[in-house]
Amino acid sequence: MLLSSAASTGGAMLSLFIPLIIFFLLMYFMIMRPQKKEQQRVKSMLAAMEVGDSVVTTSGFYGVLIDITEEDVIVEFGNNKHCRIPMRKSAIAEVEKASDGLAD
């Protein structure tokens, strides 16, 4: 009698944990995994930047990379060659390679 009572309690405990496990799996695949993929995409984009690439900053400004250091970049904005602003790499939202715009 005691053995069957323990077995039914174990089954009830398992039935309580299954929805919890499914919930955490859904959270992982819907939130955490896409966020990690996006972070990896941004990291590879920033690592592939080169001088001369066109960029869009997080504030919406379009410019051209003039110099790249370990954590910072210098971006030239507009046609006025005197408008050069240093900023963090993390302020770059999009990068368009200089060779992408050339069509032969």
PDB file of N, CA and C in Angstrom:
ATOM      1  N   MET A   1       0.816  -1.185   0.000  1.00  0.00           N
ATOM      2  CA  MET A   1       0.000   0.000   0.000  1.00  0.00           C
ATOM      3  C   MET A   1       0.866   1.257   0.000  1.00  0.00           C
ATOM      4  N   LEU A   2       1.891   1.255   0.797  1.00  0.00           N
ATOM      5  CA  LEU A   2       2.783   2.394   0.898  1.00  0.00           C
ATOM      6  C   LEU A   2       3.542   2.614  -0.407  1.00  0.00           C
ATOM      7  N   LEU A   3       3.883   1.538  -1.077  1.00  0.00           N
ATOM      8  CA  LEU A   3       4.626   1.614  -2.329  1.00  0.00           C
ATOM      9  C   LEU A   3       3.783   2.240  -3.445  1.00  0.00           C
ATOM     10  N   SER A   4       2.551   1.903  -3.555  1.00  0.00           N
ATOM     11  CA  SER A   4       1.692   2.467  -4.596  1.00  0.00           C
ATOM     12  C   SER A   4       1.390   3.939  -4.322  1.00  0.00           C
ATOM     13  N   SER A   5       1.331   4.325  -3.048  1.00  0.00           N
ATOM     14  CA  SER A   5       1.118   5.721  -2.690  1.00  0.00           C
ATOM     15  C   SER A   5       2.320   6.564  -3.090  1.00  0.00           C
ATOM     16  N   ALA A   6       3.528   6.044  -2.891  1.00  0.00           N
ATOM     17  CA  ALA A   6       4.739   6.768  -3.267  1.00  0.00           C
ATOM     18  C   ALA A   6       4.837   6.887  -4.785  1.00  0.00           C
ATOM     19  N   ALA A   7       4.428   5.867  -5.505  1.00  0.00           N
ATOM     20  CA  ALA A   7       4.472   5.901  -6.970  1.00  0.00           C
ATOM     21  C   ALA A   7       3.497   6.936  -7.511  1.00  0.00           C
ATOM     22  N   SER A   8       2.307   7.036  -6.917  1.00  0.00           N
ATOM     23  CA  SER A   8       1.337   8.012  -7.402  1.00  0.00           C
ATOM     24  C   SER A   8       1.778   9.435  -7.065  1.00  0.00           C
ATOM     25  N   THR A   9       2.463   9.628  -5.953  1.00  0.00           N
ATOM     26  CA  THR A   9       2.987  10.944  -5.597  1.00  0.00           C
ATOM     27  C   THR A   9       4.095  11.355  -6.558  1.00  0.00           C
ATOM     28  N   GLY A  10       4.949  10.400  -6.926  1.00  0.00           N
ATOM     29  CA  GLY A  10       6.015  10.691  -7.882  1.00  0.00           C
ATOM     30  C   GLY A  10       5.456  11.058  -9.243  1.00  0.00           C
ATOM     31  N   GLY A  11       4.395  10.387  -9.658  1.00  0.00           N
ATOM     32  CA  GLY A  11       3.761  10.702 -10.939  1.00  0.00           C
ATOM     33  C   GLY A  11       3.122  12.076 -10.923  1.00  0.00           C
ATOM     34  N   ALA A  12       2.531  12.441  -9.788  1.00  0.00           N
ATOM     35  CA  ALA A  12       1.917  13.764  -9.671  1.00  0.00           C
ATOM     36  C   ALA A  12       2.981  14.860  -9.701  1.00  0.00           C
ATOM     37  N   MET A  13       4.120  14.608  -9.081  1.00  0.00           N
ATOM     38  CA  MET A  13       5.221  15.580  -9.083  1.00  0.00           C
ATOM     39  C   MET A  13       5.759  15.760 -10.497  1.00  0.00           C
ATOM     40  N   LEU A  14       5.863  14.651 -11.224  1.00  0.00           N
ATOM     41  CA  LEU A  14       6.356  14.711 -12.595  1.00  0.00           C
ATOM     42  C   LEU A  14       5.393  15.491 -13.477  1.00  0.00           C
ATOM     43  N   SER A  15       4.097  15.290 -13.269  1.00  0.00           N
ATOM     44  CA  SER A  15       3.115  16.007 -14.082  1.00  0.00           C
ATOM     45  C   SER A  15       3.113  17.507 -13.771  1.00  0.00           C
ATOM     46  N   LEU A  16       3.581  17.902 -12.598  1.00  0.00           N
ATOM     47  CA  LEU A  16       3.699  19.317 -12.269  1.00  0.00           C
ATOM     48  C   LEU A  16       4.948  19.942 -12.909  1.00  0.00           C
ATOM     49  N   PHE A  17       6.011  19.173 -13.066  1.00  0.00           N
ATOM     50  CA  PHE A  17       7.258  19.709 -13.603  1.00  0.00           C
ATOM     51  C   PHE A  17       7.279  19.759 -15.126  1.00  0.00           C
ATOM     52  N   ILE A  18       6.495  18.930 -15.788  1.00  0.00           N
ATOM     53  CA  ILE A  18       6.506  18.910 -17.255  1.00  0.00           C
ATOM     54  C   ILE A  18       6.079  20.261 -17.845  1.00  0.00           C
ATOM     55  N   PRO A  19       4.985  20.877 -17.407  1.00  0.00           N
ATOM     56  CA  PRO A  19       4.653  22.210 -17.961  1.00  0.00           C
ATOM     57  C   PRO A  19       5.723  23.264 -17.657  1.00  0.00           C
ATOM     58  N   LEU A  20       6.347  23.159 -16.497  1.00  0.00           N
ATOM     59  CA  LEU A  20       7.408  24.102 -16.143  1.00  0.00           C
ATOM     60  C   LEU A  20       8.609  23.943 -17.063  1.00  0.00           C
ATOM     61  N   ILE A  21       8.973  22.727 -17.362  1.00  0.00           N
ATOM     62  CA  ILE A  21      10.091  22.458 -18.269  1.00  0.00           C
ATOM     63  C   ILE A  21       9.754  22.947 -19.677  1.00  0.00           C
ATOM     64  N   ILE A  22       8.540  22.698 -20.129  1.00  0.00           N
ATOM     65  CA  ILE A  22       8.115  23.162 -21.457  1.00  0.00           C
ATOM     66  C   ILE A  22       8.131  24.684 -21.517  1.00  0.00           C
ATOM     67  N   PHE A  23       7.700  25.331 -20.446  1.00  0.00           N
ATOM     68  CA  PHE A  23       7.714  26.795 -20.389  1.00  0.00           C
ATOM     69  C   PHE A  23       9.132  27.334 -20.540  1.00  0.00           C
ATOM     70  N   PHE A  24      10.101  26.775 -19.823  1.00  0.00           N
ATOM     71  CA  PHE A  24      11.478  27.254 -19.907  1.00  0.00           C
ATOM     72  C   PHE A  24      12.085  26.968 -21.284  1.00  0.00           C
ATOM     73  N   LEU A  25      11.736  25.852 -21.896  1.00  0.00           N
ATOM     74  CA  LEU A  25      12.224  25.571 -23.243  1.00  0.00           C
ATOM     75  C   LEU A  25      11.667  26.581 -24.244  1.00  0.00           C
ATOM     76  N   LEU A  26      10.386  26.904 -24.134  1.00  0.00           N
ATOM     77  CA  LEU A  26       9.795  27.910 -25.008  1.00  0.00           C
ATOM     78  C   LEU A  26      10.446  29.275 -24.812  1.00  0.00           C
ATOM     79  N   MET A  27      10.699  29.636 -23.570  1.00  0.00           N
ATOM     80  CA  MET A  27      11.357  30.916 -23.292  1.00  0.00           C
ATOM     81  C   MET A  27      12.744  30.962 -23.923  1.00  0.00           C
ATOM     82  N   TYR A  28      13.454  29.862 -23.862  1.00  0.00           N
ATOM     83  CA  TYR A  28      14.792  29.815 -24.439  1.00  0.00           C
ATOM     84  C   TYR A  28      14.735  29.998 -25.948  1.00  0.00           C
ATOM     85  N   PHE A  29      13.863  29.251 -26.620  1.00  0.00           N
ATOM     86  CA  PHE A  29      13.816  29.302 -28.075  1.00  0.00           C
ATOM     87  C   PHE A  29      13.148  30.565 -28.615  1.00  0.00           C
ATOM     88  N   MET A  30      12.318  31.229 -27.815  1.00  0.00           N
ATOM     89  CA  MET A  30      11.638  32.423 -28.298  1.00  0.00           C
ATOM     90  C   MET A  30      12.348  33.717 -27.919  1.00  0.00           C
ATOM     91  N   ILE A  31      13.125  33.726 -26.838  1.00  0.00           N
ATOM     92  CA  ILE A  31      13.730  34.973 -26.373  1.00  0.00           C
ATOM     93  C   ILE A  31      15.249  34.900 -26.351  1.00  0.00           C
ATOM     94  N   MET A  32      15.797  33.958 -25.640  1.00  0.00           N
ATOM     95  CA  MET A  32      17.246  33.932 -25.428  1.00  0.00           C
ATOM     96  C   MET A  32      18.025  33.591 -26.690  1.00  0.00           C
ATOM     97  N   ARG A  33      17.590  32.590 -27.412  1.00  0.00           N
ATOM     98  CA  ARG A  33      18.334  32.149 -28.599  1.00  0.00           C
ATOM     99  C   ARG A  33      18.370  33.224 -29.698  1.00  0.00           C
ATOM    100  N   PRO A  34      17.240  33.856 -30.050  1.00  0.00           N
ATOM    101  CA  PRO A  34      17.312  34.925 -31.062  1.00  0.00           C
ATOM    102  C   PRO A  34      18.174  36.108 -30.615  1.00  0.00           C
ATOM    103  N   GLN A  35      18.148  36.407 -29.326  1.00  0.00           N
ATOM    104  CA  GLN A  35      18.962  37.513 -28.824  1.00  0.00           C
ATOM    105  C   GLN A  35      20.446  37.193 -28.967  1.00  0.00           C
ATOM    106  N   LYS A  36      20.840  35.971 -28.680  1.00  0.00           N
ATOM    107  CA  LYS A  36      22.236  35.575 -28.833  1.00  0.00           C
ATOM    108  C   LYS A  36      22.655  35.600 -30.298  1.00  0.00           C
ATOM    109  N   LYS A  37      21.758  35.181 -31.199  1.00  0.00           N
ATOM    110  CA  LYS A  37      22.069  35.216 -32.627  1.00  0.00           C
ATOM    111  C   LYS A  37      22.254  36.651 -33.103  1.00  0.00           C
ATOM    112  N   GLU A  38      21.423  37.558 -32.626  1.00  0.00           N
ATOM    113  CA  GLU A  38      21.539  38.966 -33.009  1.00  0.00           C
ATOM    114  C   GLU A  38      22.835  39.566 -32.472  1.00  0.00           C
ATOM    115  N   GLN A  39      23.201  39.246 -31.243  1.00  0.00           N
ATOM    116  CA  GLN A  39      24.463  39.731 -30.684  1.00  0.00           C
ATOM    117  C   GLN A  39      25.640  39.220 -31.489  1.00  0.00           C
ATOM    118  N   GLN A  40      25.592  37.981 -31.927  1.00  0.00           N
ATOM    119  CA  GLN A  40      26.665  37.408 -32.737  1.00  0.00           C
ATOM    120  C   GLN A  40      26.738  38.097 -34.096  1.00  0.00           C
ATOM    121  N   ARG A  41      25.579  38.408 -34.693  1.00  0.00           N
ATOM    122  CA  ARG A  41      25.554  39.095 -35.983  1.00  0.00           C
ATOM    123  C   ARG A  41      26.169  40.487 -35.879  1.00  0.00           C
ATOM    124  N   VAL A  42      25.805  41.222 -34.829  1.00  0.00           N
ATOM    125  CA  VAL A  42      26.348  42.567 -34.629  1.00  0.00           C
ATOM    126  C   VAL A  42      27.844  42.500 -34.378  1.00  0.00           C
ATOM    127  N   LYS A  43      28.283  41.538 -33.586  1.00  0.00           N
ATOM    128  CA  LYS A  43      29.705  41.392 -33.289  1.00  0.00           C
ATOM    129  C   LYS A  43      30.510  41.113 -34.558  1.00  0.00           C
ATOM    130  N   SER A  44      30.009  40.230 -35.411  1.00  0.00           N
ATOM    131  CA  SER A  44      30.723  39.923 -36.650  1.00  0.00           C
ATOM    132  C   SER A  44      30.685  41.106 -37.619  1.00  0.00           C
ATOM    133  N   MET A  45      29.576  41.871 -37.634  1.00  0.00           N
ATOM    134  CA  MET A  45      29.486  43.054 -38.482  1.00  0.00           C
ATOM    135  C   MET A  45      30.511  44.100 -38.068  1.00  0.00           C
ATOM    136  N   LEU A  46      30.640  44.332 -36.760  1.00  0.00           N
ATOM    137  CA  LEU A  46      31.591  45.316 -36.270  1.00  0.00           C
ATOM    138  C   LEU A  46      33.030  44.866 -36.487  1.00  0.00           C
ATOM    139  N   ALA A  47      33.275  43.566 -36.422  1.00  0.00           N
ATOM    140  CA  ALA A  47      34.627  43.056 -36.641  1.00  0.00           C
ATOM    141  C   ALA A  47      35.026  43.153 -38.111  1.00  0.00           C
ATOM    142  N   ALA A  48      34.058  43.141 -39.024  1.00  0.00           N
ATOM    143  CA  ALA A  48      34.350  43.169 -40.457  1.00  0.00           C
ATOM    144  C   ALA A  48      34.406  44.583 -41.034  1.00  0.00           C
ATOM    145  N   MET A  49      34.218  45.617 -40.205  1.00  0.00           N
ATOM    146  CA  MET A  49      34.264  46.994 -40.700  1.00  0.00           C
ATOM    147  C   MET A  49      35.663  47.337 -41.190  1.00  0.00           C
ATOM    148  N   GLU A  50      35.718  48.116 -42.257  1.00  0.00           N
ATOM    149  CA  GLU A  50      36.982  48.586 -42.806  1.00  0.00           C
ATOM    150  C   GLU A  50      36.870  50.071 -43.114  1.00  0.00           C
ATOM    151  N   VAL A  51      38.006  50.719 -43.219  1.00  0.00           N
ATOM    152  CA  VAL A  51      38.040  52.133 -43.587  1.00  0.00           C
ATOM    153  C   VAL A  51      37.434  52.279 -44.979  1.00  0.00           C
ATOM    154  N   GLY A  52      36.550  53.254 -45.136  1.00  0.00           N
ATOM    155  CA  GLY A  52      35.887  53.496 -46.411  1.00  0.00           C
ATOM    156  C   GLY A  52      34.478  52.938 -46.474  1.00  0.00           C
ATOM    157  N   ASP A  53      34.092  52.106 -45.515  1.00  0.00           N
ATOM    158  CA  ASP A  53      32.738  51.553 -45.496  1.00  0.00           C
ATOM    159  C   ASP A  53      31.737  52.634 -45.107  1.00  0.00           C
ATOM    160  N   SER A  54      30.547  52.566 -45.698  1.00  0.00           N
ATOM    161  CA  SER A  54      29.462  53.464 -45.318  1.00  0.00           C
ATOM    162  C   SER A  54      28.750  52.876 -44.112  1.00  0.00           C
ATOM    163  N   VAL A  55      28.399  53.736 -43.166  1.00  0.00           N
ATOM    164  CA  VAL A  55      27.741  53.268 -41.948  1.00  0.00           C
ATOM    165  C   VAL A  55      26.523  54.126 -41.644  1.00  0.00           C
ATOM    166  N   VAL A  56      25.622  53.540 -40.868  1.00  0.00           N
ATOM    167  CA  VAL A  56      24.493  54.257 -40.300  1.00  0.00           C
ATOM    168  C   VAL A  56      24.628  54.115 -38.791  1.00  0.00           C
ATOM    169  N   THR A  57      24.591  55.237 -38.092  1.00  0.00           N
ATOM    170  CA  THR A  57      24.725  55.188 -36.641  1.00  0.00           C
ATOM    171  C   THR A  57      23.374  54.875 -36.008  1.00  0.00           C
ATOM    172  N   THR A  58      23.395  54.573 -34.717  1.00  0.00           N
ATOM    173  CA  THR A  58      22.152  54.277 -34.010  1.00  0.00           C
ATOM    174  C   THR A  58      21.233  55.490 -33.940  1.00  0.00           C
ATOM    175  N   SER A  59      21.784  56.694 -34.104  1.00  0.00           N
ATOM    176  CA  SER A  59      20.957  57.902 -34.100  1.00  0.00           C
ATOM    177  C   SER A  59      20.460  58.260 -35.493  1.00  0.00           C
ATOM    178  N   GLY A  60      20.828  57.474 -36.518  1.00  0.00           N
ATOM    179  CA  GLY A  60      20.292  57.672 -37.850  1.00  0.00           C
ATOM    180  C   GLY A  60      21.173  58.470 -38.794  1.00  0.00           C
ATOM    181  N   PHE A  61      22.387  58.813 -38.407  1.00  0.00           N
ATOM    182  CA  PHE A  61      23.281  59.570 -39.274  1.00  0.00           C
ATOM    183  C   PHE A  61      24.023  58.637 -40.212  1.00  0.00           C
ATOM    184  N   TYR A  62      24.169  59.071 -41.462  1.00  0.00           N
ATOM    185  CA  TYR A  62      24.919  58.321 -42.463  1.00  0.00           C
ATOM    186  C   TYR A  62      26.320  58.915 -42.550  1.00  0.00           C
ATOM    187  N   GLY A  63      27.331  58.049 -42.661  1.00  0.00           N
ATOM    188  CA  GLY A  63      28.692  58.541 -42.758  1.00  0.00           C
ATOM    189  C   GLY A  63      29.615  57.495 -43.354  1.00  0.00           C
ATOM    190  N   VAL A  64      30.892  57.866 -43.431  1.00  0.00           N
ATOM    191  CA  VAL A  64      31.920  56.996 -43.974  1.00  0.00           C
ATOM    192  C   VAL A  64      33.006  56.839 -42.913  1.00  0.00           C
ATOM    193  N   LEU A  65      33.484  55.599 -42.731  1.00  0.00           N
ATOM    194  CA  LEU A  65      34.531  55.349 -41.747  1.00  0.00           C
ATOM    195  C   LEU A  65      35.864  55.909 -42.241  1.00  0.00           C
ATOM    196  N   ILE A  66      36.512  56.681 -41.400  1.00  0.00           N
ATOM    197  CA  ILE A  66      37.802  57.274 -41.730  1.00  0.00           C
ATOM    198  C   ILE A  66      38.931  56.549 -41.004  1.00  0.00           C
ATOM    199  N   ASP A  67      38.684  56.160 -39.748  1.00  0.00           N
ATOM    200  CA  ASP A  67      39.706  55.482 -38.946  1.00  0.00           C
ATOM    201  C   ASP A  67      39.010  54.531 -37.980  1.00  0.00           C
ATOM    202  N   ILE A  68      39.665  53.408 -37.711  1.00  0.00           N
ATOM    203  CA  ILE A  68      39.116  52.417 -36.790  1.00  0.00           C
ATOM    204  C   ILE A  68      40.190  52.062 -35.779  1.00  0.00           C
ATOM    205  N   THR A  69      39.835  52.143 -34.495  1.00  0.00           N
ATOM    206  CA  THR A  69      40.723  51.690 -33.424  1.00  0.00           C
ATOM    207  C   THR A  69      40.052  50.505 -32.732  1.00  0.00           C
ATOM    208  N   GLU A  70      40.621  50.096 -31.614  1.00  0.00           N
ATOM    209  CA  GLU A  70      40.101  48.913 -30.914  1.00  0.00           C
ATOM    210  C   GLU A  70      38.637  49.062 -30.500  1.00  0.00           C
ATOM    211  N   GLU A  71      38.269  50.193 -29.893  1.00  0.00           N
ATOM    212  CA  GLU A  71      36.898  50.387 -29.411  1.00  0.00           C
ATOM    213  C   GLU A  71      36.176  51.538 -30.091  1.00  0.00           C
ATOM    214  N   ASP A  72      36.904  52.407 -30.779  1.00  0.00           N
ATOM    215  CA  ASP A  72      36.315  53.613 -31.350  1.00  0.00           C
ATOM    216  C   ASP A  72      36.489  53.647 -32.860  1.00  0.00           C
ATOM    217  N   VAL A  73      35.689  54.491 -33.499  1.00  0.00           N
ATOM    218  CA  VAL A  73      35.818  54.760 -34.931  1.00  0.00           C
ATOM    219  C   VAL A  73      35.704  56.264 -35.131  1.00  0.00           C
ATOM    220  N   ILE A  74      36.239  56.747 -36.245  1.00  0.00           N
ATOM    221  CA  ILE A  74      36.036  58.136 -36.637  1.00  0.00           C
ATOM    222  C   ILE A  74      35.212  58.107 -37.903  1.00  0.00           C
ATOM    223  N   VAL A  75      34.071  58.789 -37.854  1.00  0.00           N
ATOM    224  CA  VAL A  75      33.123  58.782 -38.963  1.00  0.00           C
ATOM    225  C   VAL A  75      33.054  60.185 -39.549  1.00  0.00           C
ATOM    226  N   GLU A  76      33.100  60.254 -40.879  1.00  0.00           N
ATOM    227  CA  GLU A  76      32.992  61.521 -41.595  1.00  0.00           C
ATOM    228  C   GLU A  76      31.565  61.638 -42.110  1.00  0.00           C
ATOM    229  N   PHE A  77      30.908  62.748 -41.783  1.00  0.00           N
ATOM    230  CA  PHE A  77      29.515  62.954 -42.151  1.00  0.00           C
ATOM    231  C   PHE A  77      29.395  64.014 -43.231  1.00  0.00           C
ATOM    232  N   GLY A  78      28.508  63.789 -44.188  1.00  0.00           N
ATOM    233  CA  GLY A  78      28.206  64.776 -45.218  1.00  0.00           C
ATOM    234  C   GLY A  78      29.337  64.990 -46.208  1.00  0.00           C
ATOM    235  N   ASN A  79      29.153  65.976 -47.078  1.00  0.00           N
ATOM    236  CA  ASN A  79      30.146  66.294 -48.088  1.00  0.00           C
ATOM    237  C   ASN A  79      31.248  67.182 -47.543  1.00  0.00           C
ATOM    238  N   ASN A  80      31.006  67.818 -46.425  1.00  0.00           N
ATOM    239  CA  ASN A  80      32.002  68.671 -45.810  1.00  0.00           C
ATOM    240  C   ASN A  80      33.069  67.793 -45.176  1.00  0.00           C
ATOM    241  N   LYS A  81      34.264  67.806 -45.702  1.00  0.00           N
ATOM    242  CA  LYS A  81      35.332  66.909 -45.238  1.00  0.00           C
ATOM    243  C   LYS A  81      35.836  67.264 -43.844  1.00  0.00           C
ATOM    244  N   HIS A  82      35.286  68.295 -43.238  1.00  0.00           N
ATOM    245  CA  HIS A  82      35.752  68.703 -41.917  1.00  0.00           C
ATOM    246  C   HIS A  82      34.838  68.223 -40.793  1.00  0.00           C
ATOM    247  N   CYS A  83      33.811  67.491 -41.123  1.00  0.00           N
ATOM    248  CA  CYS A  83      32.875  67.009 -40.115  1.00  0.00           C
ATOM    249  C   CYS A  83      33.209  65.552 -39.776  1.00  0.00           C
ATOM    250  N   ARG A  84      34.189  65.375 -38.927  1.00  0.00           N
ATOM    251  CA  ARG A  84      34.627  64.041 -38.502  1.00  0.00           C
ATOM    252  C   ARG A  84      34.376  63.907 -37.008  1.00  0.00           C
ATOM    253  N   ILE A  85      33.675  62.853 -36.634  1.00  0.00           N
ATOM    254  CA  ILE A  85      33.286  62.676 -35.235  1.00  0.00           C
ATOM    255  C   ILE A  85      33.754  61.313 -34.742  1.00  0.00           C
ATOM    256  N   PRO A  86      34.501  61.289 -33.644  1.00  0.00           N
ATOM    257  CA  PRO A  86      34.855  59.988 -33.054  1.00  0.00           C
ATOM    258  C   PRO A  86      33.669  59.443 -32.261  1.00  0.00           C
ATOM    259  N   MET A  87      33.467  58.136 -32.351  1.00  0.00           N
ATOM    260  CA  MET A  87      32.372  57.507 -31.599  1.00  0.00           C
ATOM    261  C   MET A  87      32.717  56.052 -31.313  1.00  0.00           C
ATOM    262  N   ARG A  88      31.984  55.455 -30.418  1.00  0.00           N
ATOM    263  CA  ARG A  88      32.168  54.051 -30.070  1.00  0.00           C
ATOM    264  C   ARG A  88      31.686  53.165 -31.211  1.00  0.00           C
ATOM    265  N   LYS A  89      32.295  51.987 -31.329  1.00  0.00           N
ATOM    266  CA  LYS A  89      31.845  51.033 -32.342  1.00  0.00           C
ATOM    267  C   LYS A  89      30.399  50.598 -32.096  1.00  0.00           C
ATOM    268  N   SER A  90      30.005  50.569 -30.842  1.00  0.00           N
ATOM    269  CA  SER A  90      28.657  50.125 -30.509  1.00  0.00           C
ATOM    270  C   SER A  90      27.585  51.096 -31.007  1.00  0.00           C
ATOM    271  N   ALA A  91      27.979  52.300 -31.436  1.00  0.00           N
ATOM    272  CA  ALA A  91      27.029  53.278 -31.968  1.00  0.00           C
ATOM    273  C   ALA A  91      26.739  53.046 -33.444  1.00  0.00           C
ATOM    274  N   ILE A  92      27.371  52.041 -34.053  1.00  0.00           N
ATOM    275  CA  ILE A  92      27.153  51.722 -35.461  1.00  0.00           C
ATOM    276  C   ILE A  92      26.011  50.709 -35.562  1.00  0.00           C
ATOM    277  N   ALA A  93      24.975  51.045 -36.321  1.00  0.00           N
ATOM    278  CA  ALA A  93      23.814  50.164 -36.460  1.00  0.00           C
ATOM    279  C   ALA A  93      23.901  49.303 -37.717  1.00  0.00           C
ATOM    280  N   GLU A  94      24.403  49.871 -38.815  1.00  0.00           N
ATOM    281  CA  GLU A  94      24.500  49.145 -40.078  1.00  0.00           C
ATOM    282  C   GLU A  94      25.805  49.503 -40.769  1.00  0.00           C
ATOM    283  N   VAL A  95      26.335  48.541 -41.524  1.00  0.00           N
ATOM    284  CA  VAL A  95      27.558  48.764 -42.293  1.00  0.00           C
ATOM    285  C   VAL A  95      27.310  48.306 -43.716  1.00  0.00           C
ATOM    286  N   GLU A  96      27.667  49.164 -44.660  1.00  0.00           N
ATOM    287  CA  GLU A  96      27.604  48.795 -46.079  1.00  0.00           C
ATOM    288  C   GLU A  96      29.023  48.866 -46.619  1.00  0.00           C
ATOM    289  N   LYS A  97      29.503  47.752 -47.109  1.00  0.00           N
ATOM    290  CA  LYS A  97      30.863  47.686 -47.623  1.00  0.00           C
ATOM    291  C   LYS A  97      31.049  48.641 -48.775  1.00  0.00           C
ATOM    292  N   ALA A  98      32.229  49.212 -48.886  1.00  0.00           N
ATOM    293  CA  ALA A  98      32.546  50.159 -49.956  1.00  0.00           C
ATOM    294  C   ALA A  98      32.419  49.492 -51.311  1.00  0.00           C
ATOM    295  N   SER A  99      32.738  48.205 -51.424  1.00  0.00           N
ATOM    296  CA  SER A  99      32.683  47.494 -52.698  1.00  0.00           C
ATOM    297  C   SER A  99      31.258  47.108 -53.075  1.00  0.00           C
ATOM    298  N   ASP A 100      30.297  47.123 -52.144  1.00  0.00           N
ATOM    299  CA  ASP A 100      28.914  46.738 -52.436  1.00  0.00           C
ATOM    300  C   ASP A 100      28.224  47.738 -53.359  1.00  0.00           C
ATOM    301  N   GLY A 101      28.570  48.989 -53.252  1.00  0.00           N
ATOM    302  CA  GLY A 101      27.925  50.019 -54.053  1.00  0.00           C
ATOM    303  C   GLY A 101      28.438  50.073 -55.475  1.00  0.00           C
ATOM    304  N   LEU A 102      29.545  49.430 -55.791  1.00  0.00           N
ATOM    305  CA  LEU A 102      30.119  49.476 -57.127  1.00  0.00           C
ATOM    306  C   LEU A 102      29.601  48.314 -57.960  1.00  0.00           C
ATOM    307  N   ALA A 103      28.979  48.640 -59.098  1.00  0.00           N
ATOM    308  CA  ALA A 103      28.494  47.606 -59.998  1.00  0.00           C
ATOM    309  C   ALA A 103      29.220  47.748 -61.326  1.00  0.00           C
ATOM    310  N   ASP A 104      29.809  46.667 -61.797  1.00  0.00           N
ATOM    311  CA  ASP A 104      30.544  46.709 -63.079  1.00  0.00           C
ATOM    312  C   ASP A 104      29.717  46.146 -64.187  1.00  0.00           C
TER     313      ASP A 104
END
